Protein backbone atom coordinates (compact mmCIF):
# COMPACT_ATOMS: atom_id res chain seq x y z
CA UNK A 1 -1.98 -109.58 131.35
CA UNK A 2 1.51 -110.82 131.98
CA UNK A 3 3.58 -108.20 130.21
CA UNK A 4 6.82 -109.74 131.43
CA UNK A 5 5.88 -112.92 129.60
CA UNK A 6 5.03 -110.92 126.51
CA UNK A 7 8.41 -109.27 126.55
CA UNK A 8 10.11 -112.64 126.85
CA UNK A 9 8.18 -113.78 123.81
CA UNK A 10 9.13 -110.69 121.84
CA UNK A 11 11.05 -111.70 118.77
CA UNK A 12 13.41 -108.76 118.89
CA UNK A 13 14.20 -105.53 120.74
CA UNK A 14 16.41 -102.72 119.53
CA UNK A 15 17.42 -99.48 121.14
CA UNK A 16 19.71 -96.55 120.61
CA UNK A 17 20.79 -93.87 123.06
CA UNK A 18 22.49 -90.55 122.56
CA UNK A 19 23.40 -87.53 124.61
CA UNK A 20 21.78 -84.22 123.68
CA UNK A 21 24.22 -81.33 123.69
CA UNK A 22 22.62 -78.59 125.79
CA UNK A 23 25.40 -77.11 127.79
CA UNK A 24 25.94 -80.43 129.49
CA UNK A 25 25.46 -84.05 128.50
CA UNK A 26 22.21 -85.69 129.53
CA UNK A 27 20.44 -88.86 128.55
CA UNK A 28 18.08 -88.63 125.61
CA UNK A 29 14.42 -89.27 126.28
CA UNK A 30 13.31 -92.77 125.34
CA UNK A 31 10.16 -93.82 123.54
CA UNK A 32 9.02 -97.44 123.71
CA UNK A 33 7.56 -98.53 120.38
CA UNK A 34 5.33 -101.60 120.18
CA UNK A 35 5.13 -103.55 116.93
CA UNK A 36 2.55 -106.30 116.22
CA UNK A 37 4.78 -108.96 114.69
CA UNK A 38 8.26 -109.41 113.25
CA UNK A 39 8.03 -109.99 109.51
CA UNK A 40 5.73 -107.03 108.90
CA UNK A 41 6.06 -103.55 107.37
CA UNK A 42 5.83 -101.56 110.67
CA UNK A 43 8.94 -103.39 111.85
CA UNK A 44 10.71 -102.50 108.60
CA UNK A 45 9.85 -98.83 109.12
CA UNK A 46 10.98 -98.77 112.75
CA UNK A 47 14.20 -100.66 111.97
CA UNK A 48 14.96 -98.25 109.14
CA UNK A 49 14.48 -95.32 111.50
CA UNK A 50 16.97 -96.89 113.91
CA UNK A 51 19.56 -97.77 111.26
CA UNK A 52 19.35 -94.37 109.58
CA UNK A 53 19.72 -92.75 113.02
CA UNK A 54 16.50 -90.80 112.57
CA UNK A 55 15.47 -91.08 116.21
CA UNK A 56 18.94 -89.86 117.09
CA UNK A 57 18.51 -86.89 114.76
CA UNK A 58 15.31 -86.05 116.64
CA UNK A 59 17.25 -86.14 119.91
CA UNK A 60 15.51 -89.21 121.30
CA UNK A 61 16.19 -92.92 121.70
CA UNK A 62 13.80 -95.69 120.68
CA UNK A 63 13.25 -99.13 122.14
CA UNK A 64 11.47 -101.49 119.76
CA UNK A 65 9.54 -104.46 121.10
CA UNK A 66 7.85 -106.98 118.83
CA UNK A 67 4.83 -108.90 120.05
CA UNK A 68 2.94 -111.91 118.73
CA UNK A 69 0.05 -109.92 117.28
CA UNK A 70 -1.92 -106.70 117.37
CA UNK A 71 -3.94 -107.64 120.45
CA UNK A 72 -0.82 -108.26 122.54
CA UNK A 73 0.67 -105.02 121.29
CA UNK A 74 -2.42 -103.10 122.37
CA UNK A 75 -2.45 -104.87 125.74
CA UNK A 76 1.17 -103.86 126.28
CA UNK A 77 0.28 -100.22 125.69
CA UNK A 78 -2.73 -100.54 127.99
CA UNK A 79 -0.46 -101.94 130.72
CA UNK A 80 2.01 -99.09 130.34
CA UNK A 81 4.74 -101.14 128.62
CA UNK A 82 4.60 -99.28 125.27
CA UNK A 83 4.24 -95.59 124.48
CA UNK A 84 3.54 -95.60 120.73
CA UNK A 85 2.25 -98.61 118.83
CA UNK A 86 1.22 -99.57 115.31
CA UNK A 87 -2.09 -101.39 115.43
CA UNK A 88 -5.56 -101.92 114.01
CA UNK A 89 -7.54 -98.72 114.52
CA UNK A 90 -10.57 -100.66 115.78
CA UNK A 91 -8.62 -101.70 118.89
CA UNK A 92 -8.46 -98.08 120.00
CA UNK A 93 -12.24 -97.82 119.58
CA UNK A 94 -12.82 -101.02 121.55
CA UNK A 95 -10.31 -100.03 124.21
CA UNK A 96 -12.00 -96.76 125.16
CA UNK A 97 -15.13 -98.65 126.18
CA UNK A 98 -12.93 -100.64 128.57
CA UNK A 99 -11.12 -97.65 130.01
CA UNK A 100 -8.04 -97.79 127.78
CA UNK A 101 -7.93 -94.20 126.65
CA UNK A 102 -5.88 -93.90 123.47
CA UNK A 103 -6.16 -92.31 120.04
CA UNK A 104 -4.89 -92.75 116.51
CA UNK A 105 -2.32 -89.99 116.06
CA UNK A 106 -1.11 -90.83 112.55
CA UNK A 107 -2.59 -92.62 109.54
CA UNK A 108 -0.31 -95.46 108.47
CA UNK A 109 -2.24 -97.59 106.01
CA UNK A 110 -5.45 -97.34 103.99
CA UNK A 111 -5.73 -100.94 102.82
CA UNK A 112 -4.94 -104.57 103.54
CA UNK A 113 -1.87 -104.66 101.32
CA UNK A 114 -0.20 -108.06 101.11
CA UNK A 115 -2.81 -109.77 103.30
CA UNK A 116 -4.10 -112.99 101.80
CA UNK A 117 -6.26 -115.92 102.88
CA UNK A 118 -4.20 -118.95 101.95
CA UNK A 119 -4.43 -122.74 101.83
CA UNK A 120 -1.87 -125.39 100.97
CA UNK A 121 -1.14 -125.61 97.27
CA UNK A 122 -2.52 -129.15 97.16
CA UNK A 123 -5.69 -128.24 99.08
CA UNK A 124 -8.93 -128.26 97.07
CA UNK A 125 -10.55 -125.76 99.46
CA UNK A 126 -11.96 -122.42 98.33
CA UNK A 127 -13.45 -119.74 100.57
CA UNK A 128 -16.94 -121.25 100.33
CA UNK A 129 -15.57 -124.56 101.60
CA UNK A 130 -14.21 -123.20 104.90
CA UNK A 131 -17.39 -123.83 106.89
CA UNK A 132 -16.43 -125.72 110.04
CA UNK A 133 -12.72 -125.55 109.18
CA UNK A 134 -9.83 -124.06 111.17
CA UNK A 135 -8.30 -120.77 110.03
CA UNK A 136 -5.11 -119.42 111.61
CA UNK A 137 -4.89 -115.79 112.76
CA UNK A 138 -2.21 -114.06 114.82
CA UNK A 139 -4.37 -113.23 117.85
CA UNK A 140 -7.92 -112.34 118.80
CA UNK A 141 -8.68 -108.70 118.01
CA UNK A 142 -5.68 -108.34 115.69
CA UNK A 143 -5.72 -107.18 112.07
CA UNK A 144 -5.70 -110.78 110.88
CA UNK A 145 -8.67 -111.55 113.14
CA UNK A 146 -10.62 -108.60 111.73
CA UNK A 147 -9.99 -109.84 108.20
CA UNK A 148 -11.10 -113.34 109.19
CA UNK A 149 -14.27 -111.92 110.74
CA UNK A 150 -14.90 -109.82 107.63
CA UNK A 151 -14.48 -112.95 105.49
CA UNK A 152 -17.11 -114.80 107.49
CA UNK A 153 -19.55 -111.92 107.19
CA UNK A 154 -18.86 -111.09 103.54
CA UNK A 155 -18.66 -114.66 102.24
CA UNK A 156 -21.38 -116.09 104.51
CA UNK A 157 -19.16 -118.86 105.87
CA UNK A 158 -18.42 -119.79 109.49
CA UNK A 159 -15.08 -121.24 110.57
CA UNK A 160 -13.02 -121.52 113.73
CA UNK A 161 -10.39 -118.79 114.15
CA UNK A 162 -7.22 -120.23 115.69
CA UNK A 163 -4.72 -117.74 117.24
CA UNK A 164 -1.16 -118.92 116.61
CA UNK A 165 0.91 -115.72 116.79
CA UNK A 166 2.53 -113.93 113.87
CA UNK A 167 5.39 -116.40 113.75
CA UNK A 168 3.02 -119.36 113.78
CA UNK A 169 0.85 -118.61 110.75
CA UNK A 170 3.00 -120.20 108.06
CA UNK A 171 4.38 -123.14 110.11
CA UNK A 172 0.88 -124.18 111.20
CA UNK A 173 -0.49 -123.86 107.70
CA UNK A 174 2.34 -125.85 106.11
CA UNK A 175 2.15 -128.51 108.83
CA UNK A 176 -1.56 -129.00 108.18
CA UNK A 177 -2.54 -127.99 111.71
CA UNK A 178 -5.07 -125.57 110.20
CA UNK A 179 -6.99 -125.61 106.95
CA UNK A 180 -6.23 -122.01 105.99
CA UNK A 181 -4.46 -118.94 107.32
CA UNK A 182 -4.76 -115.18 107.08
CA UNK A 183 -1.17 -114.36 106.09
CA UNK A 184 0.53 -110.97 105.86
CA UNK A 185 3.30 -109.98 103.47
CA UNK A 186 6.07 -110.68 102.69
CA UNK A 187 5.30 -114.16 104.05
CA UNK A 188 2.24 -114.41 101.80
CA UNK A 189 4.37 -113.60 98.76
CA UNK A 190 7.08 -116.04 99.82
CA UNK A 191 4.96 -119.16 100.28
CA UNK A 192 2.97 -118.38 97.16
CA UNK A 193 6.04 -118.10 94.98
CA UNK A 194 7.60 -121.22 96.53
CA UNK A 195 4.53 -123.18 95.50
CA UNK A 196 3.81 -124.28 99.07
CA UNK A 197 0.52 -122.40 99.34
CA UNK A 198 -1.99 -120.59 97.17
CA UNK A 199 -4.27 -117.60 97.69
CA UNK A 200 -8.02 -118.07 97.81
CA UNK A 201 -8.78 -114.46 98.83
CA UNK A 202 -6.65 -111.35 98.24
CA UNK A 203 -7.74 -108.79 100.81
CA UNK A 204 -5.92 -105.95 99.07
CA UNK A 205 -8.30 -106.41 96.15
CA UNK A 206 -11.52 -107.49 97.85
CA UNK A 207 -11.70 -105.70 101.20
CA UNK A 208 -12.91 -102.07 100.96
CA UNK A 209 -10.17 -99.45 101.42
CA UNK A 210 -10.28 -98.00 104.93
CA UNK A 211 -7.97 -96.72 107.64
CA UNK A 212 -6.87 -100.18 108.67
CA UNK A 213 -3.80 -99.30 110.74
CA UNK A 214 -2.39 -96.28 112.48
CA UNK A 215 0.14 -95.17 115.06
CA UNK A 216 -1.63 -95.06 118.42
CA UNK A 217 -0.65 -93.55 121.76
CA UNK A 218 -2.38 -93.21 125.16
CA UNK A 219 -4.16 -89.91 125.76
CA UNK A 220 -2.14 -89.32 128.91
CA UNK A 221 1.17 -89.84 127.11
CA UNK A 222 0.17 -87.44 124.32
CA UNK A 223 -0.80 -84.84 126.90
CA UNK A 224 2.29 -85.22 129.06
CA UNK A 225 4.90 -85.78 126.34
CA UNK A 226 3.61 -84.23 123.11
CA UNK A 227 7.10 -83.33 121.90
CA UNK A 228 8.24 -86.93 122.26
CA UNK A 229 5.25 -88.20 120.27
CA UNK A 230 5.92 -85.64 117.56
CA UNK A 231 9.59 -86.55 117.32
CA UNK A 232 8.73 -90.24 117.18
CA UNK A 233 6.31 -89.73 114.31
CA UNK A 234 8.83 -87.52 112.52
CA UNK A 235 11.42 -90.31 112.65
CA UNK A 236 8.98 -93.03 111.56
CA UNK A 237 7.68 -91.09 108.57
CA UNK A 238 11.21 -89.99 107.77
CA UNK A 239 12.08 -93.68 107.60
CA UNK A 240 9.23 -94.34 105.19
CA UNK A 241 10.38 -91.43 103.01
CA UNK A 242 13.90 -92.86 102.99
CA UNK A 243 12.62 -96.31 102.08
CA UNK A 244 10.57 -95.02 99.17
CA UNK A 245 13.54 -93.05 97.84
CA UNK A 246 16.06 -95.89 98.25
CA UNK A 247 14.63 -99.08 96.80
CA UNK A 248 17.84 -101.12 96.67
CA UNK A 249 18.76 -100.37 100.28
CA UNK A 250 15.25 -101.11 101.48
CA UNK A 251 14.93 -104.37 99.56
CA UNK A 252 18.25 -105.51 101.03
CA UNK A 253 17.11 -104.58 104.53
CA UNK A 254 13.83 -106.49 104.14
CA UNK A 255 15.70 -109.52 102.80
CA UNK A 256 18.26 -109.41 105.62
CA UNK A 257 15.80 -108.71 108.44
CA UNK A 258 13.43 -111.49 107.55
CA UNK A 259 15.84 -113.89 105.86
CA UNK A 260 13.90 -114.00 102.61
CA UNK A 261 15.05 -113.94 98.96
CA UNK A 262 15.67 -110.56 97.35
CA UNK A 263 12.90 -111.06 94.78
CA UNK A 264 10.35 -111.60 97.57
CA UNK A 265 11.68 -108.53 99.38
CA UNK A 266 11.23 -106.58 96.14
CA UNK A 267 7.60 -107.72 95.97
CA UNK A 268 7.07 -106.49 99.52
CA UNK A 269 8.60 -103.16 98.56
CA UNK A 270 6.39 -102.65 95.50
CA UNK A 271 3.14 -104.10 96.85
CA UNK A 272 3.25 -102.87 100.43
CA UNK A 273 5.88 -100.26 101.24
CA UNK A 274 5.05 -98.11 98.22
CA UNK A 275 1.34 -98.15 99.12
CA UNK A 276 1.61 -96.91 102.70
CA UNK A 277 0.46 -93.45 103.72
CA UNK A 278 3.31 -90.96 103.44
CA UNK A 279 1.59 -87.94 104.99
CA UNK A 280 0.22 -89.52 108.15
CA UNK A 281 -1.93 -86.51 108.98
CA UNK A 282 -5.23 -87.27 110.66
CA UNK A 283 -6.50 -83.89 109.43
CA UNK A 284 -6.43 -84.89 105.77
CA UNK A 285 -9.76 -84.86 103.88
CA UNK A 286 -11.95 -87.95 104.37
CA UNK A 287 -9.75 -89.30 107.19
CA UNK A 288 -12.64 -89.35 109.65
CA UNK A 289 -14.84 -91.13 107.10
CA UNK A 290 -12.16 -93.71 106.35
CA UNK A 291 -11.60 -94.31 110.05
CA UNK A 292 -15.32 -94.74 110.65
CA UNK A 293 -15.47 -97.19 107.73
CA UNK A 294 -12.76 -99.26 109.42
CA UNK A 295 -14.85 -99.37 112.58
CA UNK A 296 -18.03 -100.19 110.67
CA UNK A 297 -16.29 -103.12 108.97
CA UNK A 298 -15.05 -104.32 112.36
CA UNK A 299 -18.62 -104.19 113.67
CA UNK A 300 -19.84 -106.19 110.68
CA UNK A 301 -17.21 -108.76 111.52
CA UNK A 302 -18.47 -109.11 115.06
CA UNK A 303 -16.60 -106.54 117.16
CA UNK A 304 -18.82 -104.86 119.72
CA UNK A 305 -18.86 -101.76 121.92
CA UNK A 306 -16.83 -99.54 119.60
CA UNK A 307 -16.87 -95.79 120.17
CA UNK A 308 -17.36 -93.52 117.13
CA UNK A 309 -14.35 -92.63 115.02
CA UNK A 310 -14.48 -89.04 116.24
CA UNK A 311 -13.55 -90.21 119.75
CA UNK A 312 -10.32 -91.92 118.69
CA UNK A 313 -9.12 -89.51 116.00
CA UNK A 314 -6.43 -87.09 117.13
CA UNK A 315 -5.35 -84.11 115.04
CA UNK A 316 -2.80 -83.03 117.64
CA UNK A 317 0.14 -84.17 115.54
CA UNK A 318 1.27 -84.04 111.92
CA UNK A 319 4.43 -85.95 111.01
CA UNK A 320 7.28 -83.82 109.67
CA UNK A 321 9.55 -86.51 108.18
CA UNK A 322 13.08 -86.47 109.56
CA UNK A 323 15.62 -86.15 106.75
CA UNK A 324 18.24 -88.86 106.43
């Protein structure tokens, strides 16, 4: 893995630094947060935490790095380039079999909100017609890949999955380089409303609810710097609380960050942001069952060598949202 190359490909990096008053100025501890792609809700949350100075209020500084997909994000953490990441929970289960010891420390999402399988508006293709066709995903092992694999299993159709990176999904679909694409919101909402593409499968409606994504950190990091993990989660869930309580500000941020119309940003707010997990606790009832369901669905899609959910679930932390 060439992490230097991955960092060069990162779409954006942001950081803040403060001095903690403790009888003498000293540099705040830094946490490196890995995000799977740019125009995606985890980036909105992390950016909100930075702009509302929530990391600063926790006495830490955060460096955000955006990768081309979930697999690259997980690889960065495995290589020691990221401390806390948002990713598909199945990657943690697959990683432990390969010696990447990490756990899901906070529940972020219990569904595939905003994710849609899309074709060009003029395309006659439906899901059943995708046999032998090319379908764009962000990267192998990513959330989009898992949904593509689930589609093949559930709909009994076999197609070629083409990794193009998060930023390449829409351009490759619109250019006709692929026949379909697994697109995340708000991009899915944007190209649907523009009339450029149409949805042939809405994963939010058809895929079973499960613990699809969570905040993940290496075991060693959680053991050595538990306070830093806790403060990071506090800031991130504080950001989500702020977003839910301040619709206008959040819609404007989404529109500005991703250069999309306000009405599309509002759709992202209502259909994604407002459906994310606000508690984050991995001790909540049924969390283990929902995590295991996510792994079972990944297995059905073709992922192998996954450890049981109990081996990647951590109840060490419970987010205490930082107040804005």
